[in-house]
Protein backbone atom coordinates (compact mmCIF):
# COMPACT_ATOMS: atom_id res chain seq x y z
CA UNK A 1 75.97 92.46 89.26
CA UNK A 2 77.44 89.37 90.94
CA UNK A 3 77.99 90.17 94.62
CA UNK A 4 81.32 89.82 96.40
CA UNK A 5 82.06 88.82 100.00
CA UNK A 6 83.06 91.63 102.32
CA UNK A 7 86.06 89.86 103.77
CA UNK A 8 85.06 87.01 106.09
CA UNK A 9 82.02 88.84 107.49
CA UNK A 10 79.42 86.87 105.57
CA UNK A 11 78.09 90.09 104.04
CA UNK A 12 77.73 90.14 100.25
CA UNK A 13 78.16 93.53 98.58
CA UNK A 14 77.99 94.86 95.05
CA UNK A 15 81.43 95.43 93.47
CA UNK A 16 80.49 99.10 93.10
CA UNK A 17 79.61 101.06 96.23
CA UNK A 18 77.78 104.38 96.02
CA UNK A 19 79.96 107.09 97.56
CA UNK A 20 78.18 110.12 98.98
CA UNK A 21 80.92 112.63 99.72
CA UNK A 22 79.47 115.03 97.12
CA UNK A 23 75.93 114.88 98.53
CA UNK A 24 74.82 118.33 99.61
CA UNK A 25 77.00 120.40 97.27
CA UNK A 26 77.28 119.96 94.30
CA UNK A 27 74.65 117.18 94.37
CA UNK A 28 71.54 118.66 95.97
CA UNK A 29 69.13 116.65 98.09
CA UNK A 30 66.56 115.71 95.46
CA UNK A 31 69.19 114.81 92.86
CA UNK A 32 71.08 112.77 95.46
CA UNK A 33 67.94 110.87 96.41
CA UNK A 34 67.21 110.12 92.74
CA UNK A 35 70.80 108.95 92.22
CA UNK A 36 70.59 106.69 95.26
CA UNK A 37 67.34 105.12 94.08
CA UNK A 38 68.77 104.62 90.58
CA UNK A 39 71.89 102.99 91.99
CA UNK A 40 69.83 100.57 94.08
CA UNK A 41 67.67 99.74 91.06
CA UNK A 42 70.83 98.95 89.06
CA UNK A 43 71.93 96.42 91.68
CA UNK A 44 74.16 98.51 93.96
CA UNK A 45 73.42 97.35 97.50
CA UNK A 46 76.31 99.09 99.29
CA UNK A 47 76.24 102.78 100.28
CA UNK A 48 79.12 104.59 101.97
CA UNK A 49 78.82 107.86 103.84
CA UNK A 50 80.35 109.58 106.89
CA UNK A 51 79.24 111.85 109.70
CA UNK A 52 81.37 114.69 108.25
CA UNK A 53 80.27 114.55 104.62
CA UNK A 54 78.48 117.61 103.23
CA UNK A 55 79.88 117.96 99.73
CA UNK A 56 82.11 120.85 98.74
CA UNK A 57 80.92 122.81 101.80
CA UNK A 58 83.07 120.50 103.90
CA UNK A 59 86.10 121.88 105.71
CA UNK A 60 88.23 120.63 108.61
CA UNK A 61 86.00 120.77 111.65
CA UNK A 62 82.75 121.48 109.81
CA UNK A 63 79.72 119.92 111.54
CA UNK A 64 78.86 117.62 108.63
CA UNK A 65 75.75 115.48 108.82
CA UNK A 66 74.30 116.63 105.49
CA UNK A 67 75.10 113.50 103.48
CA UNK A 68 73.86 111.22 106.25
CA UNK A 69 70.55 113.08 106.38
CA UNK A 70 70.12 112.77 102.62
CA UNK A 71 71.00 109.07 102.64
CA UNK A 72 68.55 108.52 105.49
CA UNK A 73 65.75 110.07 103.45
CA UNK A 74 66.75 108.11 100.33
CA UNK A 75 66.79 104.66 101.92
CA UNK A 76 64.09 104.88 104.59
CA UNK A 77 61.73 102.76 102.46
CA UNK A 78 64.58 100.66 100.99
CA UNK A 79 66.59 99.92 104.12
CA UNK A 80 66.41 96.15 103.76
CA UNK A 81 68.02 96.39 100.30
CA UNK A 82 71.12 98.25 101.48
CA UNK A 83 74.36 97.50 103.32
CA UNK A 84 74.91 100.86 105.00
CA UNK A 85 78.34 102.16 106.01
CA UNK A 86 79.24 105.35 107.83
CA UNK A 87 82.26 106.65 109.73
CA UNK A 88 83.49 108.38 112.87
CA UNK A 89 86.67 110.18 114.01
CA UNK A 90 87.05 113.27 111.82
CA UNK A 91 86.47 116.66 113.50
CA UNK A 92 82.86 117.83 113.68
CA UNK A 93 83.48 120.94 115.80
CA UNK A 94 86.11 122.92 117.71
CA UNK A 95 85.89 121.15 121.07
CA UNK A 96 88.30 118.49 122.40
CA UNK A 97 85.54 115.84 122.34
CA UNK A 98 84.44 116.79 118.84
CA UNK A 99 86.95 114.51 117.14
CA UNK A 100 88.87 111.29 117.46
CA UNK A 101 88.25 107.79 118.70
CA UNK A 102 87.50 108.20 122.39
CA UNK A 103 84.49 106.34 123.78
CA UNK A 104 82.75 109.66 124.43
CA UNK A 105 83.09 110.80 120.82
CA UNK A 106 82.34 107.43 119.21
CA UNK A 107 79.18 106.67 121.18
CA UNK A 108 77.85 110.22 120.94
CA UNK A 109 78.44 110.44 117.19
CA UNK A 110 77.04 106.96 116.64
CA UNK A 111 73.70 108.02 118.12
CA UNK A 112 73.70 111.15 115.97
CA UNK A 113 74.44 109.14 112.84
CA UNK A 114 71.65 106.67 113.61
CA UNK A 115 69.19 109.54 113.97
CA UNK A 116 70.27 111.24 110.73
CA UNK A 117 70.23 107.96 108.81
CA UNK A 118 66.78 107.10 110.18
CA UNK A 119 67.82 103.59 111.15
CA UNK A 120 68.29 101.66 114.37
CA UNK A 121 71.44 99.85 113.24
CA UNK A 122 74.46 100.56 111.02
CA UNK A 123 75.75 97.58 109.07
CA UNK A 124 79.37 98.73 108.82
CA UNK A 125 80.77 101.37 111.16
CA UNK A 126 84.23 102.59 110.19
CA UNK A 127 86.83 104.37 112.26
CA UNK A 128 87.66 107.06 109.74
CA UNK A 129 91.24 107.94 110.73
CA UNK A 130 93.76 106.74 113.32
CA UNK A 131 93.84 108.73 116.57
CA UNK A 132 97.31 108.98 118.07
CA UNK A 133 95.97 110.30 121.39
CA UNK A 134 93.60 107.43 122.16
CA UNK A 135 94.82 103.90 122.94
CA UNK A 136 93.37 101.41 120.50
CA UNK A 137 92.01 99.36 123.41
CA UNK A 138 89.74 102.28 124.35
CA UNK A 139 88.41 102.54 120.80
CA UNK A 140 87.79 98.82 120.40
CA UNK A 141 86.07 98.61 123.79
CA UNK A 142 83.66 101.32 122.65
CA UNK A 143 83.05 99.44 119.39
CA UNK A 144 82.38 96.27 121.38
CA UNK A 145 79.86 98.15 123.50
CA UNK A 146 78.05 99.44 120.40
CA UNK A 147 77.90 95.94 118.91
CA UNK A 148 76.48 94.53 122.15
CA UNK A 149 73.86 97.28 122.20
CA UNK A 150 72.80 96.29 118.68
CA UNK A 151 73.66 99.68 117.20
CA UNK A 152 76.27 98.37 114.75
CA UNK A 153 76.70 94.97 113.14
CA UNK A 154 80.31 95.09 111.97
CA UNK A 155 83.18 97.54 112.08
CA UNK A 156 85.88 98.46 109.64
CA UNK A 157 88.86 100.79 109.41
CA UNK A 158 89.55 103.63 107.00
CA UNK A 159 93.00 105.09 106.25
CA UNK A 160 94.78 102.51 108.40
CA UNK A 161 97.87 100.60 107.29
CA UNK A 162 98.39 96.84 107.53
CA UNK A 163 100.34 97.04 110.80
CA UNK A 164 97.48 98.99 112.41
CA UNK A 165 94.97 96.44 111.17
CA UNK A 166 97.19 93.69 112.56
CA UNK A 167 97.11 95.31 116.01
CA UNK A 168 93.30 95.51 115.85
CA UNK A 169 93.07 91.81 115.00
CA UNK A 170 95.46 90.88 117.80
CA UNK A 171 93.56 92.91 120.40
CA UNK A 172 90.25 91.48 119.22
CA UNK A 173 91.51 87.90 119.60
CA UNK A 174 93.06 88.67 122.97
CA UNK A 175 89.96 90.36 124.44
CA UNK A 176 87.17 88.58 122.53
CA UNK A 177 86.16 91.87 120.89
CA UNK A 178 84.65 92.17 117.39
CA UNK A 179 87.18 91.74 114.58
CA UNK A 180 87.76 94.44 112.00
CA UNK A 181 86.29 93.17 108.73
CA UNK A 182 87.20 95.78 106.14
CA UNK A 183 89.84 98.28 105.11
CA UNK A 184 89.01 101.48 103.24
CA UNK A 185 92.11 103.03 101.70
CA UNK A 186 92.92 105.46 98.91
CA UNK A 187 93.88 103.25 95.98
CA UNK A 188 93.96 103.58 92.20
CA UNK A 189 96.19 102.96 89.21
CA UNK A 190 97.79 106.32 89.99
CA UNK A 191 98.03 105.71 93.73
CA UNK A 192 99.47 102.32 94.56
CA UNK A 193 101.54 102.97 97.68
CA UNK A 194 99.33 100.63 99.76
CA UNK A 195 99.41 97.82 97.17
CA UNK A 196 101.41 95.51 99.44
CA UNK A 197 98.83 95.87 102.23
CA UNK A 198 96.28 94.12 100.02
CA UNK A 199 97.93 90.75 100.52
CA UNK A 200 97.73 91.14 104.30
CA UNK A 201 94.00 91.88 103.98
CA UNK A 202 93.52 88.86 101.73
CA UNK A 203 95.34 86.56 104.16
CA UNK A 204 93.35 87.75 107.18
CA UNK A 205 89.87 87.95 105.71
CA UNK A 206 89.52 91.71 105.41
CA UNK A 207 87.56 93.09 102.49
CA UNK A 208 89.10 96.15 100.84
CA UNK A 209 86.74 98.95 99.80
CA UNK A 210 88.99 101.63 98.30
CA UNK A 211 88.08 105.21 97.61
CA UNK A 212 89.54 107.46 94.90
CA UNK A 213 89.61 104.59 92.41
CA UNK A 214 89.24 107.21 89.66
CA UNK A 215 91.63 109.56 91.46
CA UNK A 216 89.28 112.50 91.67
CA UNK A 217 88.32 112.15 88.02
CA UNK A 218 91.83 112.06 86.57
CA UNK A 219 91.21 108.50 85.36
CA UNK A 220 88.01 109.35 83.50
CA UNK A 221 89.64 110.88 80.43
CA UNK A 222 87.90 114.23 80.91
CA UNK A 223 91.13 116.19 81.42
CA UNK A 224 93.25 116.97 78.37
CA UNK A 225 96.77 118.29 77.97
CA UNK A 226 96.82 122.01 77.25
CA UNK A 227 93.07 122.42 77.79
CA UNK A 228 91.22 124.00 80.72
CA UNK A 229 89.26 121.61 82.92
CA UNK A 230 85.72 121.07 81.67
CA UNK A 231 82.85 122.87 83.36
CA UNK A 232 81.23 120.94 86.20
CA UNK A 233 84.40 118.88 86.73
CA UNK A 234 86.02 118.60 90.13
CA UNK A 235 89.09 120.47 88.90
CA UNK A 236 86.87 123.40 87.93
CA UNK A 237 84.62 123.30 91.00
CA UNK A 238 87.03 122.23 93.76
CA UNK A 239 90.60 122.39 92.43
CA UNK A 240 92.20 121.66 95.80
CA UNK A 241 90.50 118.23 95.75
CA UNK A 242 92.44 117.00 92.71
CA UNK A 243 96.10 116.28 91.99
CA UNK A 244 98.28 118.64 89.97
CA UNK A 245 98.03 118.07 86.24
CA UNK A 246 101.47 118.45 84.72
CA UNK A 247 103.15 116.92 81.67
CA UNK A 248 104.31 113.86 83.60
CA UNK A 249 100.76 113.21 84.76
CA UNK A 250 99.35 113.60 81.25
CA UNK A 251 101.99 111.19 79.93
CA UNK A 252 100.61 108.54 82.27
CA UNK A 253 96.96 109.37 81.64
CA UNK A 254 97.39 109.25 77.87
CA UNK A 255 99.18 105.92 78.06
CA UNK A 256 96.38 104.44 80.20
CA UNK A 257 93.74 105.84 77.88
CA UNK A 258 95.48 104.25 74.90
CA UNK A 259 95.33 100.83 76.56
CA UNK A 260 91.67 101.35 77.44
CA UNK A 261 90.91 102.17 73.80
CA UNK A 262 92.76 99.02 72.76
CA UNK A 263 90.49 97.05 75.12
CA UNK A 264 87.44 98.79 73.64
CA UNK A 265 86.21 100.40 76.87
CA UNK A 266 86.25 103.84 78.44
CA UNK A 267 89.18 104.96 80.53
CA UNK A 268 87.08 105.14 83.69
CA UNK A 269 85.68 101.63 83.23
CA UNK A 270 89.14 100.30 82.45
CA UNK A 271 90.57 101.88 85.61
CA UNK A 272 87.78 100.50 87.79
CA UNK A 273 88.11 97.03 86.24
CA UNK A 274 91.84 97.01 86.98
CA UNK A 275 91.20 97.94 90.61
CA UNK A 276 88.56 95.25 91.01
CA UNK A 277 91.04 92.57 89.95
CA UNK A 278 93.48 93.39 92.76
CA UNK A 279 93.73 91.10 95.82
CA UNK A 280 91.06 91.35 98.55
CA UNK A 281 88.90 93.82 96.62
CA UNK A 282 85.27 93.71 97.74
CA UNK A 283 83.74 96.93 96.43
CA UNK A 284 84.94 100.22 94.94
CA UNK A 285 83.54 103.42 96.42
CA UNK A 286 82.60 105.62 93.48
CA UNK A 287 81.27 109.13 93.92
CA UNK A 288 78.97 110.34 91.16
CA UNK A 289 76.95 113.38 90.15
CA UNK A 290 75.05 111.91 87.20
CA UNK A 291 73.01 108.77 86.52
CA UNK A 292 75.20 108.00 83.50
CA UNK A 293 78.22 107.79 85.81
CA UNK A 294 76.43 105.20 87.93
CA UNK A 295 75.63 103.15 84.83
CA UNK A 296 79.22 103.31 83.60
CA UNK A 297 80.60 102.23 86.97
CA UNK A 298 78.22 99.28 87.17
CA UNK A 299 79.23 98.15 83.67
CA UNK A 300 82.90 98.18 84.71
CA UNK A 301 82.28 95.20 86.97
CA UNK A 302 81.97 92.95 83.89
CA UNK A 303 85.14 94.13 82.14
CA UNK A 304 88.23 91.89 82.02
CA UNK A 305 91.64 93.51 81.57
CA UNK A 306 93.68 91.67 78.90
CA UNK A 307 96.55 89.79 80.61
CA UNK A 308 99.07 91.41 78.29
CA UNK A 309 98.11 94.83 79.62
CA UNK A 310 99.20 94.12 83.20
CA UNK A 311 102.99 94.51 82.69
CA UNK A 312 102.34 97.59 80.57
CA UNK A 313 100.27 99.16 83.34
CA UNK A 314 102.96 98.29 85.89
CA UNK A 315 105.45 100.14 83.70
CA UNK A 316 103.19 103.19 83.43
CA UNK A 317 102.19 103.19 87.10
CA UNK A 318 104.84 101.19 89.00
CA UNK A 319 103.79 99.26 92.10
CA UNK A 320 105.67 100.00 95.35
CA UNK A 321 108.89 98.17 96.21
CA UNK A 322 108.36 94.77 97.75
CA UNK A 323 110.85 92.56 99.55
CA UNK A 324 112.04 89.94 97.06
CA UNK A 325 111.47 86.28 97.94
CA UNK A 326 114.72 84.33 97.38
CA UNK A 327 113.11 81.10 98.59
CA UNK A 328 109.93 80.94 96.54
CA UNK A 329 110.51 83.60 93.89
């Protein structure tokens, strides 16, 4: 796969990133290690995890750590072939310092992640969620400290809007702190509410690494109107992790699938290819359970959406409202 720049960082990443949120349950350790090795062998050099990931066993405040431990075992003899990303902020226990973006929590969890991942440095450390109780200056000062200690190379933001990214960039310039280099947001054909933020990221050198590009499997074509969800699907195994499937949703899915068939590719590859063509896209985080899913995702990087399909897709899945430009059109 041709690599893409991760914003203005200088890092080059594969357009498909291996997501690990399902590592633990339903993807057991040995299967997860085999999947990781297969992904690397296919050219994927970007792996995304988080300190809270542990598959379907995850709940708000669960201790996590399972996915990081598995990734650490999988890449310990392949570390130089991988751009490794993990995250901090989500609750990992019941205590007041077990969550958020305080310096205490960040620096403590960073050391724990390094140990689980069996590495001395994390390439991309992401603040997983905004923390309304901690001033951003406190968070960025802790990130600066971690960079100076050589524990992280770059930092990114997950689930932050453009105005929050703008504040991070302003504070970094003002205080000579590290600049945020990436934005990880939920984004897919079915979920376009942050579409307008992509232009901000493009203008300011932030690489976008969206998750849910297949919207929990809805954009794979596996779900059919009037039929129960297939065995081993997310809707069957973890129904609260997938959107409601009603007639309006199936109208959209069937219309997208028809266009994918017209282009001669699968619905999942078509959906990933569309996402990759959006502004500022660096790499799509794709969670998988099977080797065949890794292969299909990698193949999507070479697919070109026919230009005539774009207005049709906008009609099926409308982009968010944007201020019209009376000066330039």
